[in-house]
Amino acid sequence: MATNLFEDVIVRTTKFDELPVLHVFAASQAQTKLPTIIDYHGWTTQTATELSAAYQLVRAGFRVIIPAAHLHGSRNDGTDLDRHPEHFWSIVGHSVAEFPQLVDALVAAGISDRNQIGIMGTSMGGITAAGIMATQPDVVAGVSLIGSPEPVAFAKDQVSQLPAQLQAKLPEALIAQTYQQLAHFDLSEQPEKLAGRPMFFFNGTADQMVPYKYISDFKQRFEQTPALAQTVFKRAEGGVHHVPHKIQEAAVAFLAEQLIK
């Protein structure tokens, strides 16, 4: 049930099992067990960047948890991520690995039901959301905005675009290990893991940061399979690395349709 239009929405900085998050909820439902969306932010951005979506989700009847990604916000150890992009994939891996711990903490707190959990994410967070759908079969529905369901292909393209001198310095064993680790949560290598669950993908066709081709390829290869029976693909022709408001609204409505009874 949607919350009262005039009810206050609370944004609380807190921790669940030592994982720092923004906890967003309707004022009257602080301790009510609610369908919950775990929403992941992007590379070098902060949890607050997801508050526009969180507000809409709360109005739709959800509790929203926005985790701080590893090396972001209060979890940063002084690392300048703008100068150290090599941490990108390990950060995604941290978020995917920490998801069960976060869900356990929310359930233990009595505010979430593990059978009413959905995920959402933007950019790096969209990659994370797709990765969680590949590894967590209990998640009801997911949304990946300007992300990629093909992290191995994306990582290989990133390496290929590095200057030849820099590529030569990368240890082959480390690169192979990274690809192997990414394969564990690569939906394109195990599309059956969607298992017919509702999934929403969006990207702009002119996105240069997370190119559209990964979603396009995934759609072309698997759209007709039973595993993707409830997968929705949206695109913005000529769109760049940006989520239009109407797409955000559509994503919220999609999650509400699946989880709000």
C-alpha atoms as a PDB file:
ATOM      1  CA  MET A   1       0.000   0.000   0.000  1.00  0.00           C
ATOM      2  CA  ALA A   2       1.334   3.442  -0.932  1.00  0.00           C
ATOM      3  CA  THR A   3       2.117   5.841   1.891  1.00  0.00           C
ATOM      4  CA  ASN A   4       0.174   9.022   2.578  1.00  0.00           C
ATOM      5  CA  LEU A   5       1.257  11.714   0.132  1.00  0.00           C
ATOM      6  CA  PHE A   6       1.790  14.176   2.989  1.00  0.00           C
ATOM      7  CA  GLU A   7       3.605  11.796   5.329  1.00  0.00           C
ATOM      8  CA  ASP A   8       7.217  12.584   6.180  1.00  0.00           C
ATOM      9  CA  VAL A   9       9.911  10.422   4.629  1.00  0.00           C
ATOM     10  CA  ILE A  10      12.817   9.731   6.982  1.00  0.00           C
ATOM     11  CA  VAL A  11      16.398   9.424   5.730  1.00  0.00           C
ATOM     12  CA  ARG A  12      18.610   7.887   8.391  1.00  0.00           C
ATOM     13  CA  THR A  13      22.346   7.235   8.271  1.00  0.00           C
ATOM     14  CA  THR A  14      22.922   3.963  10.092  1.00  0.00           C
ATOM     15  CA  LYS A  15      24.569   0.546   9.964  1.00  0.00           C
ATOM     16  CA  PHE A  16      23.233  -2.982   9.650  1.00  0.00           C
ATOM     17  CA  ASP A  17      25.740  -5.575  10.831  1.00  0.00           C
ATOM     18  CA  GLU A  18      28.473  -2.929  10.496  1.00  0.00           C
ATOM     19  CA  LEU A  19      27.537  -2.150   6.882  1.00  0.00           C
ATOM     20  CA  PRO A  20      26.904   1.613   6.502  1.00  0.00           C
ATOM     21  CA  VAL A  21      23.698   2.532   4.677  1.00  0.00           C
ATOM     22  CA  LEU A  22      21.096   5.201   4.155  1.00  0.00           C
ATOM     23  CA  HIS A  23      17.802   3.861   5.509  1.00  0.00           C
ATOM     24  CA  VAL A  24      14.784   5.533   3.899  1.00  0.00           C
ATOM     25  CA  PHE A  25      11.242   4.914   5.137  1.00  0.00           C
ATOM     26  CA  ALA A  26       7.880   6.497   5.855  1.00  0.00           C
ATOM     27  CA  ALA A  27       7.739   8.115   9.314  1.00  0.00           C
ATOM     28  CA  SER A  28       4.860   5.918  10.495  1.00  0.00           C
ATOM     29  CA  GLN A  29       6.579   2.698   9.360  1.00  0.00           C
ATOM     30  CA  ALA A  30       9.941   2.807  11.095  1.00  0.00           C
ATOM     31  CA  GLN A  31       9.490  -0.667  12.618  1.00  0.00           C
ATOM     32  CA  THR A  32       6.906  -2.096  10.229  1.00  0.00           C
ATOM     33  CA  LYS A  33       7.965  -5.124   8.218  1.00  0.00           C
ATOM     34  CA  LEU A  34       7.815  -3.858   4.628  1.00  0.00           C
ATOM     35  CA  PRO A  35       8.772  -4.988   1.139  1.00  0.00           C
ATOM     36  CA  THR A  36      12.333  -3.737   0.824  1.00  0.00           C
ATOM     37  CA  ILE A  37      14.430  -2.448  -2.058  1.00  0.00           C
ATOM     38  CA  ILE A  38      18.208  -2.465  -1.721  1.00  0.00           C
ATOM     39  CA  ASP A  39      19.454   0.261  -4.066  1.00  0.00           C
ATOM     40  CA  TYR A  40      23.111   0.529  -5.159  1.00  0.00           C
ATOM     41  CA  HIS A  41      24.808   3.782  -6.137  1.00  0.00           C
ATOM     42  CA  GLY A  42      27.413   4.375  -8.842  1.00  0.00           C
ATOM     43  CA  TRP A  43      31.190   4.690  -9.080  1.00  0.00           C
ATOM     44  CA  THR A  44      32.649   7.595  -7.034  1.00  0.00           C
ATOM     45  CA  THR A  45      29.146   8.828  -6.178  1.00  0.00           C
ATOM     46  CA  GLN A  46      27.478   8.746  -2.781  1.00  0.00           C
ATOM     47  CA  THR A  47      24.451   7.016  -1.329  1.00  0.00           C
ATOM     48  CA  ALA A  48      22.531  10.326  -1.457  1.00  0.00           C
ATOM     49  CA  THR A  49      22.504  10.206  -5.268  1.00  0.00           C
ATOM     50  CA  GLU A  50      19.850   7.492  -5.033  1.00  0.00           C
ATOM     51  CA  LEU A  51      17.469   9.516  -2.862  1.00  0.00           C
ATOM     52  CA  SER A  52      15.227  10.622  -5.728  1.00  0.00           C
ATOM     53  CA  ALA A  53      14.460   6.996  -6.557  1.00  0.00           C
ATOM     54  CA  ALA A  54      14.255   6.124  -2.856  1.00  0.00           C
ATOM     55  CA  TYR A  55      11.617   8.802  -2.259  1.00  0.00           C
ATOM     56  CA  GLN A  56       9.460   7.403  -5.058  1.00  0.00           C
ATOM     57  CA  LEU A  57       9.943   3.854  -3.764  1.00  0.00           C
ATOM     58  CA  VAL A  58       8.881   4.842  -0.246  1.00  0.00           C
ATOM     59  CA  ARG A  59       5.780   6.546  -1.639  1.00  0.00           C
ATOM     60  CA  ALA A  60       4.992   3.287  -3.416  1.00  0.00           C
ATOM     61  CA  GLY A  61       5.109   1.416  -0.099  1.00  0.00           C
ATOM     62  CA  PHE A  62       8.691   0.220   0.177  1.00  0.00           C
ATOM     63  CA  ARG A  63      11.460   0.452   2.722  1.00  0.00           C
ATOM     64  CA  VAL A  64      14.690   1.435   0.959  1.00  0.00           C
ATOM     65  CA  ILE A  65      18.255   0.602   1.927  1.00  0.00           C
ATOM     66  CA  ILE A  66      21.108   2.334   0.075  1.00  0.00           C
ATOM     67  CA  PRO A  67      24.427   0.677   0.987  1.00  0.00           C
ATOM     68  CA  ALA A  68      27.697   2.585   0.841  1.00  0.00           C
ATOM     69  CA  ALA A  69      29.914   0.726  -1.605  1.00  0.00           C
ATOM     70  CA  HIS A  70      33.371  -0.431  -0.532  1.00  0.00           C
ATOM     71  CA  LEU A  71      35.878   2.481  -0.582  1.00  0.00           C
ATOM     72  CA  HIS A  72      33.025   4.985  -0.865  1.00  0.00           C
ATOM     73  CA  GLY A  73      31.704   7.439   1.717  1.00  0.00           C
ATOM     74  CA  SER A  74      32.525   6.433   5.274  1.00  0.00           C
ATOM     75  CA  ARG A  75      34.172   3.265   3.943  1.00  0.00           C
ATOM     76  CA  ASN A  76      36.893   5.143   2.093  1.00  0.00           C
ATOM     77  CA  ASP A  77      40.369   4.604   3.528  1.00  0.00           C
ATOM     78  CA  GLY A  78      41.939   7.565   1.774  1.00  0.00           C
ATOM     79  CA  THR A  79      42.081   5.912  -1.639  1.00  0.00           C
ATOM     80  CA  ASP A  80      41.555   8.402  -4.462  1.00  0.00           C
ATOM     81  CA  LEU A  81      39.298   6.378  -6.724  1.00  0.00           C
ATOM     82  CA  ASP A  82      39.650   8.870  -9.573  1.00  0.00           C
ATOM     83  CA  ARG A  83      43.321   7.900  -9.660  1.00  0.00           C
ATOM     84  CA  HIS A  84      42.777   4.216  -8.951  1.00  0.00           C
ATOM     85  CA  PRO A  85      40.080   2.878 -11.293  1.00  0.00           C
ATOM     86  CA  GLU A  86      41.551  -0.608 -10.908  1.00  0.00           C
ATOM     87  CA  HIS A  87      39.410  -0.959  -7.760  1.00  0.00           C
ATOM     88  CA  PHE A  88      36.177  -0.863  -9.765  1.00  0.00           C
ATOM     89  CA  TRP A  89      35.569  -4.590 -10.074  1.00  0.00           C
ATOM     90  CA  SER A  90      36.630  -5.474  -6.560  1.00  0.00           C
ATOM     91  CA  ILE A  91      34.099  -2.904  -5.299  1.00  0.00           C
ATOM     92  CA  VAL A  92      31.329  -4.522  -7.334  1.00  0.00           C
ATOM     93  CA  GLY A  93      32.430  -7.900  -5.981  1.00  0.00           C
ATOM     94  CA  HIS A  94      32.286  -6.608  -2.409  1.00  0.00           C
ATOM     95  CA  SER A  95      28.700  -5.417  -2.877  1.00  0.00           C
ATOM     96  CA  VAL A  96      27.570  -8.708  -4.393  1.00  0.00           C
ATOM     97  CA  ALA A  97      29.275 -10.688  -1.613  1.00  0.00           C
ATOM     98  CA  GLU A  98      27.863  -8.474   1.170  1.00  0.00           C
ATOM     99  CA  PHE A  99      24.261  -8.721  -0.015  1.00  0.00           C
ATOM    100  CA  PRO A 100      23.305 -11.832   2.023  1.00  0.00           C
ATOM    101  CA  GLN A 101      24.847 -10.305   5.160  1.00  0.00           C
ATOM    102  CA  LEU A 102      22.774  -7.151   4.691  1.00  0.00           C
ATOM    103  CA  VAL A 103      19.552  -9.075   4.092  1.00  0.00           C
ATOM    104  CA  ASP A 104      20.170 -11.221   7.181  1.00  0.00           C
ATOM    105  CA  ALA A 105      20.614  -8.062   9.274  1.00  0.00           C
ATOM    106  CA  LEU A 106      17.408  -6.482   7.949  1.00  0.00           C
ATOM    107  CA  VAL A 107      15.428  -9.654   8.638  1.00  0.00           C
ATOM    108  CA  ALA A 108      16.943  -9.962  12.128  1.00  0.00           C
ATOM    109  CA  ALA A 109      15.895  -6.359  12.832  1.00  0.00           C
ATOM    110  CA  GLY A 110      12.300  -7.333  12.036  1.00  0.00           C
ATOM    111  CA  ILE A 111      11.847  -4.686   9.344  1.00  0.00           C
ATOM    112  CA  SER A 112      12.172  -6.803   6.190  1.00  0.00           C
ATOM    113  CA  ASP A 113      10.955 -10.170   4.942  1.00  0.00           C
ATOM    114  CA  ARG A 114      13.582 -12.118   2.975  1.00  0.00           C
ATOM    115  CA  ASN A 115      10.794 -13.215   0.607  1.00  0.00           C
ATOM    116  CA  GLN A 116       9.952  -9.591  -0.249  1.00  0.00           C
ATOM    117  CA  ILE A 117      13.330  -8.220  -1.301  1.00  0.00           C
ATOM    118  CA  GLY A 118      14.014  -6.421  -4.574  1.00  0.00           C
ATOM    119  CA  ILE A 119      17.123  -4.707  -5.890  1.00  0.00           C
ATOM    120  CA  MET A 120      17.896  -1.647  -7.943  1.00  0.00           C
ATOM    121  CA  GLY A 121      21.092   0.084  -8.995  1.00  0.00           C
ATOM    122  CA  THR A 122      22.540   2.803 -11.192  1.00  0.00           C
ATOM    123  CA  SER A 123      25.721   2.523 -13.298  1.00  0.00           C
ATOM    124  CA  MET A 124      28.172   0.541 -11.131  1.00  0.00           C
ATOM    125  CA  GLY A 125      25.124  -0.131  -8.982  1.00  0.00           C
ATOM    126  CA  GLY A 126      23.273  -1.426 -12.036  1.00  0.00           C
ATOM    127  CA  ILE A 127      26.100  -3.890 -12.666  1.00  0.00           C
ATOM    128  CA  THR A 128      25.870  -4.877  -9.004  1.00  0.00           C
ATOM    129  CA  ALA A 129      22.096  -5.397  -9.240  1.00  0.00           C
ATOM    130  CA  ALA A 130      22.485  -7.710 -12.236  1.00  0.00           C
ATOM    131  CA  GLY A 131      25.225  -9.600 -10.396  1.00  0.00           C
ATOM    132  CA  ILE A 132      23.010 -10.099  -7.364  1.00  0.00           C
ATOM    133  CA  MET A 133      20.230 -11.465  -9.580  1.00  0.00           C
ATOM    134  CA  ALA A 134      22.764 -14.003 -10.872  1.00  0.00           C
ATOM    135  CA  THR A 135      23.740 -15.162  -7.386  1.00  0.00           C
ATOM    136  CA  GLN A 136      20.714 -14.690  -5.105  1.00  0.00           C
ATOM    137  CA  PRO A 137      17.696 -16.757  -6.182  1.00  0.00           C
ATOM    138  CA  ASP A 138      15.449 -15.411  -3.398  1.00  0.00           C
ATOM    139  CA  VAL A 139      15.444 -11.845  -4.745  1.00  0.00           C
ATOM    140  CA  VAL A 140      11.972 -11.261  -6.177  1.00  0.00           C
ATOM    141  CA  ALA A 141      12.758  -8.636  -8.830  1.00  0.00           C
ATOM    142  CA  GLY A 142      15.587  -6.402 -10.017  1.00  0.00           C
ATOM    143  CA  VAL A 143      16.303  -3.171 -11.861  1.00  0.00           C
ATOM    144  CA  SER A 144      19.593  -2.372 -13.597  1.00  0.00           C
ATOM    145  CA  LEU A 145      19.902   1.212 -14.846  1.00  0.00           C
ATOM    146  CA  ILE A 146      22.784   2.215 -17.145  1.00  0.00           C
ATOM    147  CA  GLY A 147      24.607  -0.934 -16.039  1.00  0.00           C
ATOM    148  CA  SER A 148      25.651  -4.195 -17.674  1.00  0.00           C
ATOM    149  CA  PRO A 149      24.604  -7.856 -17.355  1.00  0.00           C
ATOM    150  CA  GLU A 150      27.924  -8.791 -19.000  1.00  0.00           C
ATOM    151  CA  PRO A 151      30.716  -7.816 -16.561  1.00  0.00           C
ATOM    152  CA  VAL A 152      33.317 -10.149 -18.106  1.00  0.00           C
ATOM    153  CA  ALA A 153      32.873  -8.624 -21.571  1.00  0.00           C
ATOM    154  CA  PHE A 154      32.898  -5.121 -20.082  1.00  0.00           C
ATOM    155  CA  ALA A 155      36.098  -5.803 -18.115  1.00  0.00           C
ATOM    156  CA  LYS A 156      37.821  -7.275 -21.178  1.00  0.00           C
ATOM    157  CA  ASP A 157      36.901  -4.182 -23.202  1.00  0.00           C
ATOM    158  CA  GLN A 158      38.279  -1.945 -20.445  1.00  0.00           C
ATOM    159  CA  VAL A 159      41.609  -3.796 -20.539  1.00  0.00           C
ATOM    160  CA  SER A 160      41.781  -3.708 -24.336  1.00  0.00           C
ATOM    161  CA  GLN A 161      41.363   0.073 -24.284  1.00  0.00           C
ATOM    162  CA  LEU A 162      44.367   0.622 -22.030  1.00  0.00           C
ATOM    163  CA  PRO A 163      47.625   1.861 -23.626  1.00  0.00           C
ATOM    164  CA  ALA A 164      49.739  -1.073 -24.829  1.00  0.00           C
ATOM    165  CA  GLN A 165      52.532  -0.237 -22.378  1.00  0.00           C
ATOM    166  CA  LEU A 166      50.142  -0.378 -19.455  1.00  0.00           C
ATOM    167  CA  GLN A 167      48.534  -3.596 -20.682  1.00  0.00           C
ATOM    168  CA  ALA A 168      51.963  -5.194 -20.810  1.00  0.00           C
ATOM    169  CA  LYS A 169      52.483  -4.426 -17.115  1.00  0.00           C
ATOM    170  CA  LEU A 170      49.290  -6.164 -16.013  1.00  0.00           C
ATOM    171  CA  PRO A 171      50.011  -9.632 -14.576  1.00  0.00           C
ATOM    172  CA  GLU A 172      48.286 -12.203 -16.788  1.00  0.00           C
ATOM    173  CA  ALA A 173      47.438 -14.377 -13.781  1.00  0.00           C
ATOM    174  CA  LEU A 174      45.718 -11.457 -12.056  1.00  0.00           C
ATOM    175  CA  ILE A 175      43.674 -10.612 -15.151  1.00  0.00           C
ATOM    176  CA  ALA A 176      42.610 -14.242 -15.578  1.00  0.00           C
ATOM    177  CA  GLN A 177      41.661 -14.436 -11.906  1.00  0.00           C
ATOM    178  CA  THR A 178      39.584 -11.253 -12.197  1.00  0.00           C
ATOM    179  CA  TYR A 179      37.665 -12.583 -15.192  1.00  0.00           C
ATOM    180  CA  GLN A 180      37.066 -15.859 -13.359  1.00  0.00           C
ATOM    181  CA  GLN A 181      35.692 -14.022 -10.330  1.00  0.00           C
ATOM    182  CA  LEU A 182      33.423 -11.844 -12.486  1.00  0.00           C
ATOM    183  CA  ALA A 183      32.065 -14.920 -14.256  1.00  0.00           C
ATOM    184  CA  HIS A 184      30.455 -16.019 -10.976  1.00  0.00           C
ATOM    185  CA  PHE A 185      27.982 -13.130 -11.219  1.00  0.00           C
ATOM    186  CA  ASP A 186      27.842 -12.649 -14.994  1.00  0.00           C
ATOM    187  CA  LEU A 187      24.228 -13.100 -16.101  1.00  0.00           C
ATOM    188  CA  SER A 188      25.247 -13.614 -19.716  1.00  0.00           C
ATOM    189  CA  GLU A 189      27.201 -16.718 -18.711  1.00  0.00           C
ATOM    190  CA  GLN A 190      24.311 -18.108 -16.672  1.00  0.00           C
ATOM    191  CA  PRO A 191      21.057 -16.521 -17.884  1.00  0.00           C
ATOM    192  CA  GLU A 192      19.117 -19.438 -16.439  1.00  0.00           C
ATOM    193  CA  LYS A 193      19.771 -17.907 -12.999  1.00  0.00           C
ATOM    194  CA  LEU A 194      17.096 -15.297 -13.716  1.00  0.00           C
ATOM    195  CA  ALA A 195      14.675 -18.227 -13.681  1.00  0.00           C
ATOM    196  CA  GLY A 196      11.800 -16.163 -15.028  1.00  0.00           C
ATOM    197  CA  ARG A 197      12.016 -13.549 -12.281  1.00  0.00           C
ATOM    198  CA  PRO A 198      11.074  -9.964 -13.200  1.00  0.00           C
ATOM    199  CA  MET A 199      14.082  -7.901 -14.357  1.00  0.00           C
ATOM    200  CA  PHE A 200      14.210  -4.382 -15.809  1.00  0.00           C
ATOM    201  CA  PHE A 201      17.168  -3.114 -17.886  1.00  0.00           C
ATOM    202  CA  PHE A 202      17.721   0.387 -19.211  1.00  0.00           C
ATOM    203  CA  ASN A 203      20.513   2.207 -21.007  1.00  0.00           C
ATOM    204  CA  GLY A 204      21.035   4.923 -23.577  1.00  0.00           C
ATOM    205  CA  THR A 205      22.291   3.854 -26.983  1.00  0.00           C
ATOM    206  CA  ALA A 206      25.046   6.503 -26.974  1.00  0.00           C
ATOM    207  CA  ASP A 207      26.348   5.754 -23.451  1.00  0.00           C
ATOM    208  CA  GLN A 208      30.157   5.931 -23.544  1.00  0.00           C
ATOM    209  CA  MET A 209      30.771   4.972 -19.909  1.00  0.00           C
ATOM    210  CA  VAL A 210      28.818   1.704 -19.806  1.00  0.00           C
ATOM    211  CA  PRO A 211      28.077   1.054 -23.470  1.00  0.00           C
ATOM    212  CA  TYR A 212      24.605  -0.040 -24.513  1.00  0.00           C
ATOM    213  CA  LYS A 213      26.007  -2.975 -26.482  1.00  0.00           C
ATOM    214  CA  TYR A 214      26.119  -5.203 -23.375  1.00  0.00           C
ATOM    215  CA  ILE A 215      22.386  -4.943 -22.755  1.00  0.00           C
ATOM    216  CA  SER A 216      21.702  -5.164 -26.493  1.00  0.00           C
ATOM    217  CA  ASP A 217      23.791  -8.327 -26.816  1.00  0.00           C
ATOM    218  CA  PHE A 218      22.182  -9.893 -23.739  1.00  0.00           C
ATOM    219  CA  LYS A 219      18.729  -9.141 -25.130  1.00  0.00           C
ATOM    220  CA  GLN A 220      19.528 -10.530 -28.567  1.00  0.00           C
ATOM    221  CA  ARG A 221      20.977 -13.757 -27.185  1.00  0.00           C
ATOM    222  CA  PHE A 222      18.491 -14.580 -24.447  1.00  0.00           C
ATOM    223  CA  GLU A 223      15.256 -12.571 -24.723  1.00  0.00           C
ATOM    224  CA  GLN A 224      13.308 -15.527 -26.097  1.00  0.00           C
ATOM    225  CA  THR A 225      14.422 -17.979 -23.403  1.00  0.00           C
ATOM    226  CA  PRO A 226      12.101 -18.958 -20.520  1.00  0.00           C
ATOM    227  CA  ALA A 227      14.552 -17.497 -18.001  1.00  0.00           C
ATOM    228  CA  LEU A 228      13.884 -14.005 -19.394  1.00  0.00           C
ATOM    229  CA  ALA A 229      10.112 -14.391 -19.709  1.00  0.00           C
ATOM    230  CA  GLN A 230       9.559 -11.440 -17.355  1.00  0.00           C
ATOM    231  CA  THR A 231      12.555  -9.319 -18.367  1.00  0.00           C
ATOM    232  CA  VAL A 232      11.870  -5.819 -19.685  1.00  0.00           C
ATOM    233  CA  PHE A 233      14.378  -3.923 -21.857  1.00  0.00           C
ATOM    234  CA  LYS A 234      14.158  -0.146 -22.209  1.00  0.00           C
ATOM    235  CA  ARG A 235      16.484   2.159 -24.131  1.00  0.00           C
ATOM    236  CA  ALA A 236      16.876   5.837 -24.933  1.00  0.00           C
ATOM    237  CA  GLU A 237      17.865   6.442 -28.551  1.00  0.00           C
ATOM    238  CA  GLY A 238      20.938   8.666 -28.492  1.00  0.00           C
ATOM    239  CA  GLY A 239      20.835   8.678 -24.693  1.00  0.00           C
ATOM    240  CA  VAL A 240      24.063   9.047 -22.733  1.00  0.00           C
ATOM    241  CA  HIS A 241      25.044   7.915 -19.215  1.00  0.00           C
ATOM    242  CA  HIS A 242      21.941   9.302 -17.573  1.00  0.00           C
ATOM    243  CA  VAL A 243      18.639   7.984 -16.201  1.00  0.00           C
ATOM    244  CA  PRO A 244      15.659  10.085 -17.364  1.00  0.00           C
ATOM    245  CA  HIS A 245      13.004  10.759 -14.747  1.00  0.00           C
ATOM    246  CA  LYS A 246      10.367   8.857 -16.717  1.00  0.00           C
ATOM    247  CA  ILE A 247      12.592   5.755 -16.698  1.00  0.00           C
ATOM    248  CA  GLN A 248      13.100   6.066 -12.953  1.00  0.00           C
ATOM    249  CA  GLU A 249       9.330   6.268 -12.538  1.00  0.00           C
ATOM    250  CA  ALA A 250       8.870   3.226 -14.785  1.00  0.00           C
ATOM    251  CA  ALA A 251      11.441   1.271 -12.758  1.00  0.00           C
ATOM    252  CA  VAL A 252       9.679   2.116  -9.488  1.00  0.00           C
ATOM    253  CA  ALA A 253       6.312   1.108 -10.954  1.00  0.00           C
ATOM    254  CA  PHE A 254       7.866  -2.149 -12.178  1.00  0.00           C
ATOM    255  CA  LEU A 255       9.130  -3.046  -8.714  1.00  0.00           C
ATOM    256  CA  ALA A 256       5.853  -2.026  -7.087  1.00  0.00           C
ATOM    257  CA  GLU A 257       3.921  -4.270  -9.461  1.00  0.00           C
ATOM    258  CA  GLN A 258       6.046  -7.254  -8.413  1.00  0.00           C
ATOM    259  CA  LEU A 259       6.326  -6.660  -4.667  1.00  0.00           C
ATOM    260  CA  ILE A 260       3.515  -4.465  -3.360  1.00  0.00           C
ATOM    261  CA  LYS A 261       0.441  -6.544  -2.660  1.00  0.00           C
END
